[in-house]
């Protein structure tokens, strides 16, 4: 019997049948690029997913990327009243080059806003960022599902309150005619008005952020904890590890990638510390204590009609934020974590 008529084994036949063949007839096992699908074939394969994602992509492009073109007014003495069309106004506004940036770097109120922004960021990073982690660990340790669900609902609720309502609640508690001040006066002490005290304003803003958003921030951490295998806890318990040791060696390592990612994003958002929250309380304590970069841009751009100057300040803020994201992501890579993107 000749060699060509010898029946092949079942394994050889299956292997030959499963080997991908490129359009030219060569198999894709020796060269990855030969077996790679073309762009047209990949589009046909994923067309349903692409069509589902298309509306969201259009919205992101329309509201997040197209407005970036408006940063050109940072290099102009922009006058929106030249025309009813904003594009026409940009085309006919006089160019001033880097004059707006020179004004910013020479403006003491700008540097005061930068200082207030950074102080608020570090306070919130130290006092606000760890609290969702601790709350997630606490809720995860609750055995009864009903009690856990009630605790989550109570913690989530303030997130859905507007900042107007949150500040009104704090005003009723800590204002000059609030509950705390009334109790002190009834017992013979002087009243307190924490809501108008510039020295405690930064701590007040941090407390408001904790009360409003700490419960909402635990969602990501609870999702990460739900992915931890119970076998790890059982193995640690069999080895004699206490509850604290299991938390330190099992729970926290499971949260470490999530903590690194959220920390990088938080650092990138360092110069945005709550526009609406601070704007509502700015007049009560004065701009010296409450002026941050967002309110600085709003006050100069909307109230003072100095659009080019405000756009330059916003552009400086955006560039610094990008640098902070890249730096924080590099630190995450050095710690062995993925961060926002891989190396």
Foldseek 3Di string as FASTA:
>chain_A
DDPVPDDDDPVVVVVVVPFAAAPVGHTCPVPVVRRDDDPVVVCVVCVVVCVVCVVVVVVCCVPPPVCVVVLLLLQFQFDCPVDVDNVVSSVPTHGNGCPLVVVLVVDPLNVLQAVLLLVLLVVCVVPPLCLLVVVLVVLVPDDDPVVSVVVLVVQQVLQPDDLVVLVVVCCQDQAQPHDQQVVQVVVPHHGGGLLQALVCVSVVLSVSCNSRCSSVVNPVLNVLQVPFDVVLVVVCVVVPDDPVRCCVPGSVVSCVQVSLQVVLVSQLCSQPSDDVNLVVSCVSHHCSRRRHLNVVLCCCCVVVVSPNSSSNSVVVSNVVSVVSSVVSCVVCVVVVHQHPHHD
